[in-house]
Amino acid sequence: MQTESLLEGLGLTKTEARVYVCLLERSPLAAGAIADLTGTSRSSVYLILRSLVDKGLIDAGAGYSSRFQPSAPDVAFAGLLERGREELRERERSVQTALPDLMRRFETSAGGDGELVEILRTPKLVGDRFDRLHAASERAIDIIVRRPIQVGGSNQPELDALARGVRVRAVYDHALMAHPTVVENIGVWVAAGEDARVFHDDLPMKWAVFDGHTVLMPLVAPGVGGVVALIVRSRELAGALGLLFDTLWAASAPVHPARATVGGDHGA
């Protein structure tokens, strides 16, 4: 029974697992004998056997009275797992294809009921919304980055946005460049297409503007532990922060694409 439960965990139905174990122990067998030994109705046993054949777990002889026997389990289950991995990869590709449109619909709906401001009170929620705003972006993302930041991680949502052709600009606080892991990450993002610069002084605050209409702004809240952030859907606020971003951008040094090193020119 334990083996049958393990097989169910691999995607077999309870009856498929019972039939497969039966064939492992007593084979080859005709369909009628399998039905009798496993307590399966003869009307459904052929469907079960066909499913196991399709999964590559058993082999069938030719003809109406053919007999069935198991394939070598090590080969059969290696193939089953690989097919499962390919199906998962295909679902992941489908999700990535559908996600931008789904997020656009979500963001439009969320912003259309008068809820122009969201308050995010946990680091996980801030991270999730940051990723989702990346996934929904169509044209441009401008980011001001200063401490505290999460060190490490690939920032896959930004890489996906860059791959879609979204323009990403980032201005980094100069103090961040003293951290080797941060510098390495910036180098990866620049190589992927991020346009990055480093500000020579302390940046006043952190924010990100998505497509010129949605702002994500982490805040320092006295007496509140953890991360607090606002999402504001306002073209007016996004425009004002866009002007400030352009000012900081013009006063910052470019990061060279070949490696995350800062150039000497602070011009635009």
Protein backbone atom coordinates (compact mmCIF):
# COMPACT_ATOMS: atom_id res chain seq x y z
CA MET A 1 0.00 0.00 0.00
CA GLN A 2 2.89 2.36 0.71
CA THR A 3 4.22 1.84 -2.82
CA GLU A 4 0.81 2.61 -4.28
CA SER A 5 0.65 5.83 -2.25
CA LEU A 6 4.06 6.86 -3.55
CA LEU A 7 2.91 6.19 -7.10
CA GLU A 8 -0.14 8.37 -6.53
CA GLY A 9 2.24 11.12 -5.43
CA LEU A 10 3.93 10.79 -8.82
CA GLY A 11 0.68 11.50 -10.63
CA LEU A 12 -0.95 8.08 -11.01
CA THR A 13 -4.55 7.61 -9.96
CA LYS A 14 -5.32 5.14 -7.19
CA THR A 15 -6.54 2.55 -9.69
CA GLU A 16 -3.59 3.11 -12.04
CA ALA A 17 -1.20 2.56 -9.12
CA ARG A 18 -3.00 -0.65 -8.15
CA VAL A 19 -2.91 -2.00 -11.71
CA TYR A 20 0.75 -1.07 -12.16
CA VAL A 21 1.81 -2.81 -8.92
CA CYS A 22 -0.20 -5.86 -9.97
CA LEU A 23 1.69 -6.02 -13.27
CA LEU A 24 5.03 -5.60 -11.49
CA GLU A 25 4.25 -8.69 -9.42
CA ARG A 26 2.44 -10.86 -12.00
CA SER A 27 2.97 -10.33 -15.70
CA PRO A 28 2.30 -10.56 -18.52
CA LEU A 29 -1.46 -10.51 -17.97
CA ALA A 30 -4.51 -10.06 -20.17
CA ALA A 31 -6.89 -7.20 -19.43
CA GLY A 32 -9.55 -9.52 -18.01
CA ALA A 33 -7.12 -11.07 -15.55
CA ILE A 34 -5.91 -7.62 -14.49
CA ALA A 35 -9.50 -6.54 -13.86
CA ASP A 36 -10.16 -9.60 -11.70
CA LEU A 37 -6.95 -9.33 -9.69
CA THR A 38 -7.30 -5.60 -8.97
CA GLY A 39 -11.05 -5.41 -8.49
CA THR A 40 -11.39 -3.10 -11.47
CA SER A 41 -14.45 -3.23 -13.71
CA ARG A 42 -13.81 -4.66 -17.13
CA SER A 43 -15.50 -1.66 -18.70
CA SER A 44 -12.82 0.69 -17.30
CA VAL A 45 -9.71 -1.48 -17.18
CA TYR A 46 -8.86 -0.80 -20.84
CA LEU A 47 -8.90 2.98 -20.22
CA ILE A 48 -6.59 2.53 -17.25
CA LEU A 49 -4.23 0.31 -19.21
CA ARG A 50 -4.20 2.76 -22.11
CA SER A 51 -3.31 5.58 -19.70
CA LEU A 52 -0.41 3.56 -18.29
CA VAL A 53 0.79 2.79 -21.81
CA ASP A 54 0.63 6.49 -22.70
CA LYS A 55 2.68 7.28 -19.57
CA GLY A 56 5.32 4.80 -20.74
CA LEU A 57 4.93 2.59 -17.65
CA ILE A 58 3.65 -0.56 -19.32
CA ASP A 59 3.87 -2.24 -22.72
CA ALA A 60 1.02 -3.90 -24.59
CA GLY A 61 1.13 -6.73 -27.06
CA ALA A 62 -0.69 -6.65 -30.39
CA GLY A 63 -4.28 -7.71 -30.97
CA TYR A 64 -7.54 -7.85 -29.05
CA SER A 65 -6.33 -10.51 -26.59
CA SER A 66 -2.96 -8.86 -26.03
CA ARG A 67 -1.24 -9.14 -22.69
CA PHE A 68 0.35 -6.33 -20.70
CA GLN A 69 3.63 -6.12 -18.84
CA PRO A 70 5.56 -3.32 -17.09
CA SER A 71 8.41 -1.42 -18.67
CA ALA A 72 11.68 -1.31 -16.74
CA PRO A 73 10.80 1.04 -13.84
CA ASP A 74 14.07 2.99 -13.89
CA VAL A 75 13.66 3.88 -17.57
CA ALA A 76 9.88 4.33 -17.39
CA PHE A 77 9.91 6.73 -14.44
CA ALA A 78 12.86 8.70 -15.76
CA GLY A 79 10.79 9.37 -18.88
CA LEU A 80 7.71 10.18 -16.80
CA LEU A 81 9.64 12.72 -14.72
CA GLU A 82 11.17 14.34 -17.80
CA ARG A 83 7.72 14.71 -19.38
CA GLY A 84 6.51 16.27 -16.14
CA ARG A 85 9.42 18.72 -16.16
CA GLU A 86 8.71 19.66 -19.77
CA GLU A 87 5.03 20.22 -18.97
CA LEU A 88 6.09 22.46 -16.05
CA ARG A 89 8.45 24.41 -18.31
CA GLU A 90 5.64 24.85 -20.82
CA ARG A 91 3.29 26.12 -18.10
CA GLU A 92 6.00 28.55 -16.95
CA ARG A 93 6.37 29.83 -20.52
CA SER A 94 2.60 30.23 -20.79
CA VAL A 95 2.48 32.15 -17.51
CA GLN A 96 5.28 34.49 -18.61
CA THR A 97 3.50 35.10 -21.92
CA ALA A 98 0.15 35.81 -20.29
CA LEU A 99 1.38 37.70 -17.22
CA PRO A 100 1.94 41.17 -18.76
CA ASP A 101 -1.62 41.32 -20.11
CA LEU A 102 -3.07 39.87 -16.89
CA MET A 103 -1.16 42.44 -14.82
CA ARG A 104 -2.30 45.30 -17.05
CA ARG A 105 -5.88 44.22 -16.49
CA PHE A 106 -5.27 43.86 -12.75
CA GLU A 107 -3.61 47.25 -12.41
CA THR A 108 -6.34 48.94 -14.45
CA SER A 109 -9.03 47.37 -12.30
CA ALA A 110 -7.23 48.11 -9.03
CA GLY A 111 -6.76 51.74 -10.00
CA GLY A 112 -10.22 52.33 -11.33
CA ASP A 113 -12.27 52.16 -8.11
CA GLY A 114 -10.94 55.28 -6.41
CA GLU A 115 -8.18 53.41 -4.53
CA LEU A 116 -5.34 55.59 -5.76
CA VAL A 117 -3.10 54.81 -2.79
CA GLU A 118 -2.08 51.45 -1.33
CA ILE A 119 -0.12 51.02 1.90
CA LEU A 120 2.18 47.99 2.01
CA ARG A 121 3.24 46.97 5.50
CA THR A 122 5.42 43.85 5.11
CA PRO A 123 8.65 43.21 3.20
CA LYS A 124 7.08 40.27 1.37
CA LEU A 125 4.15 42.36 0.20
CA VAL A 126 6.48 45.15 -0.94
CA GLY A 127 8.61 42.66 -2.85
CA ASP A 128 5.60 40.99 -4.45
CA ARG A 129 4.09 44.27 -5.61
CA PHE A 130 7.47 45.47 -6.90
CA ASP A 131 7.75 42.32 -9.00
CA ARG A 132 4.17 42.62 -10.25
CA LEU A 133 4.65 46.24 -11.29
CA HIS A 134 7.70 45.16 -13.28
CA ALA A 135 5.64 42.45 -14.96
CA ALA A 136 2.92 44.95 -15.89
CA SER A 137 5.26 47.61 -17.28
CA GLU A 138 5.13 48.24 -21.01
CA ARG A 139 7.42 51.19 -21.70
CA ALA A 140 9.69 52.52 -18.96
CA ILE A 141 10.83 52.03 -15.37
CA ASP A 142 12.87 54.66 -13.50
CA ILE A 143 14.32 53.66 -10.11
CA ILE A 144 16.18 55.52 -7.38
CA VAL A 145 18.12 53.02 -5.24
CA ARG A 146 19.58 53.64 -1.80
CA ARG A 147 19.92 51.67 1.41
CA PRO A 148 18.39 49.62 2.87
CA ILE A 149 18.30 47.12 0.03
CA GLN A 150 17.98 43.36 -0.28
CA VAL A 151 21.42 41.95 -1.14
CA GLY A 152 21.55 39.07 -3.60
CA GLY A 153 18.95 37.66 -5.95
CA SER A 154 18.73 37.89 -9.69
CA ASN A 155 15.88 40.45 -9.90
CA GLN A 156 14.31 38.26 -12.56
CA PRO A 157 11.27 40.56 -13.04
CA GLU A 158 13.59 43.36 -14.22
CA LEU A 159 15.45 40.99 -16.53
CA ASP A 160 12.11 39.87 -17.99
CA ALA A 161 11.04 43.49 -18.47
CA LEU A 162 14.30 44.30 -20.24
CA ALA A 163 13.81 41.26 -22.49
CA ARG A 164 10.36 42.63 -23.45
CA GLY A 165 11.98 45.90 -24.53
CA VAL A 166 11.06 47.98 -21.47
CA ARG A 167 13.54 50.81 -20.86
CA VAL A 168 14.95 50.61 -17.33
CA ARG A 169 17.01 53.44 -15.80
CA ALA A 170 18.44 53.31 -12.29
CA VAL A 171 20.33 55.82 -10.16
CA TYR A 172 22.30 54.20 -7.32
CA ASP A 173 23.54 55.80 -4.11
CA HIS A 174 27.35 55.97 -4.10
CA ALA A 175 27.54 54.05 -0.79
CA LEU A 176 26.10 50.95 -2.44
CA MET A 177 29.16 50.62 -4.69
CA ALA A 178 31.26 49.61 -1.69
CA HIS A 179 29.36 46.31 -1.45
CA PRO A 180 30.85 43.67 -3.82
CA THR A 181 27.60 41.69 -4.14
CA VAL A 182 25.66 44.81 -5.07
CA VAL A 183 28.28 45.76 -7.66
CA GLU A 184 28.12 42.25 -9.14
CA ASN A 185 24.32 42.40 -9.38
CA ILE A 186 24.41 45.81 -11.03
CA GLY A 187 26.90 44.46 -13.55
CA VAL A 188 24.46 41.68 -14.49
CA TRP A 189 21.57 44.11 -14.91
CA VAL A 190 23.64 46.55 -16.94
CA ALA A 191 24.77 43.71 -19.20
CA ALA A 192 21.08 42.82 -19.69
CA GLY A 193 20.26 46.38 -20.78
CA GLU A 194 19.67 48.45 -17.66
CA ASP A 195 20.91 52.03 -18.03
CA ALA A 196 22.59 52.68 -14.67
CA ARG A 197 24.27 55.65 -13.04
CA VAL A 198 25.74 56.35 -9.60
CA PHE A 199 25.00 59.54 -7.66
CA HIS A 200 28.07 61.08 -6.02
CA ASP A 201 26.29 61.92 -2.74
CA ASP A 202 23.54 60.55 -0.51
CA LEU A 203 20.25 60.13 -2.36
CA PRO A 204 17.28 61.69 -0.56
CA MET A 205 14.90 58.71 -0.74
CA LYS A 206 13.95 55.59 -2.71
CA TRP A 207 11.24 55.32 -5.34
CA ALA A 208 10.34 53.70 -8.62
CA VAL A 209 8.09 55.08 -11.38
CA PHE A 210 6.42 52.63 -13.75
CA ASP A 211 5.24 53.76 -17.19
CA GLY A 212 4.91 57.35 -15.98
CA HIS A 213 1.78 56.73 -13.92
CA THR A 214 2.44 54.44 -10.94
CA VAL A 215 4.87 55.17 -8.09
CA LEU A 216 6.24 52.71 -5.54
CA MET A 217 7.87 54.54 -2.63
CA PRO A 218 9.37 52.82 0.46
CA LEU A 219 9.13 54.98 3.57
CA VAL A 220 10.84 55.21 6.94
CA ALA A 221 8.05 55.24 9.51
CA PRO A 222 9.07 56.18 13.09
CA GLY A 223 8.09 53.49 15.56
CA VAL A 224 7.16 51.00 12.83
CA GLY A 225 9.39 47.98 12.35
CA GLY A 226 10.08 46.48 8.95
CA VAL A 227 9.28 48.02 5.61
CA VAL A 228 6.42 50.36 4.83
CA ALA A 229 5.77 51.47 1.27
CA LEU A 230 3.19 53.35 -0.73
CA ILE A 231 1.87 52.67 -4.19
CA VAL A 232 0.36 55.80 -5.69
CA ARG A 233 -1.37 55.77 -9.07
CA SER A 234 -1.01 59.39 -10.09
CA ARG A 235 0.43 60.81 -13.28
CA GLU A 236 0.94 64.14 -11.50
CA LEU A 237 3.09 62.61 -8.73
CA ALA A 238 4.87 60.37 -11.25
CA GLY A 239 5.61 63.41 -13.40
CA ALA A 240 7.00 65.41 -10.48
CA LEU A 241 9.23 62.53 -9.40
CA GLY A 242 10.22 62.09 -13.04
CA LEU A 243 11.59 65.65 -13.08
CA LEU A 244 13.55 64.97 -9.88
CA PHE A 245 14.81 61.71 -11.37
CA ASP A 246 16.05 63.53 -14.46
CA THR A 247 17.91 66.04 -12.26
CA LEU A 248 19.62 63.27 -10.28
CA TRP A 249 20.31 61.36 -13.50
CA ALA A 250 22.07 64.34 -15.07
CA ALA A 251 24.25 64.73 -11.98
CA SER A 252 25.26 61.05 -11.83
CA ALA A 253 28.12 59.08 -13.34
CA PRO A 254 27.38 56.31 -15.84
CA VAL A 255 28.08 52.68 -15.02
CA HIS A 256 30.09 51.04 -17.78
CA PRO A 257 28.39 47.98 -19.33
CA ALA A 258 31.49 45.75 -19.41
CA ARG A 259 31.72 45.80 -15.62
CA ALA A 260 30.03 47.71 -12.86
CA THR A 261 32.56 50.54 -12.66
CA VAL A 262 31.72 54.20 -12.54
CA GLY A 263 32.84 56.61 -15.25
CA GLY A 264 34.22 60.01 -14.51
CA ASP A 265 31.72 62.09 -16.48
CA HIS A 266 28.77 63.34 -14.45
CA GLY A 267 27.05 64.89 -17.44
CA ALA A 268 23.73 63.82 -18.91
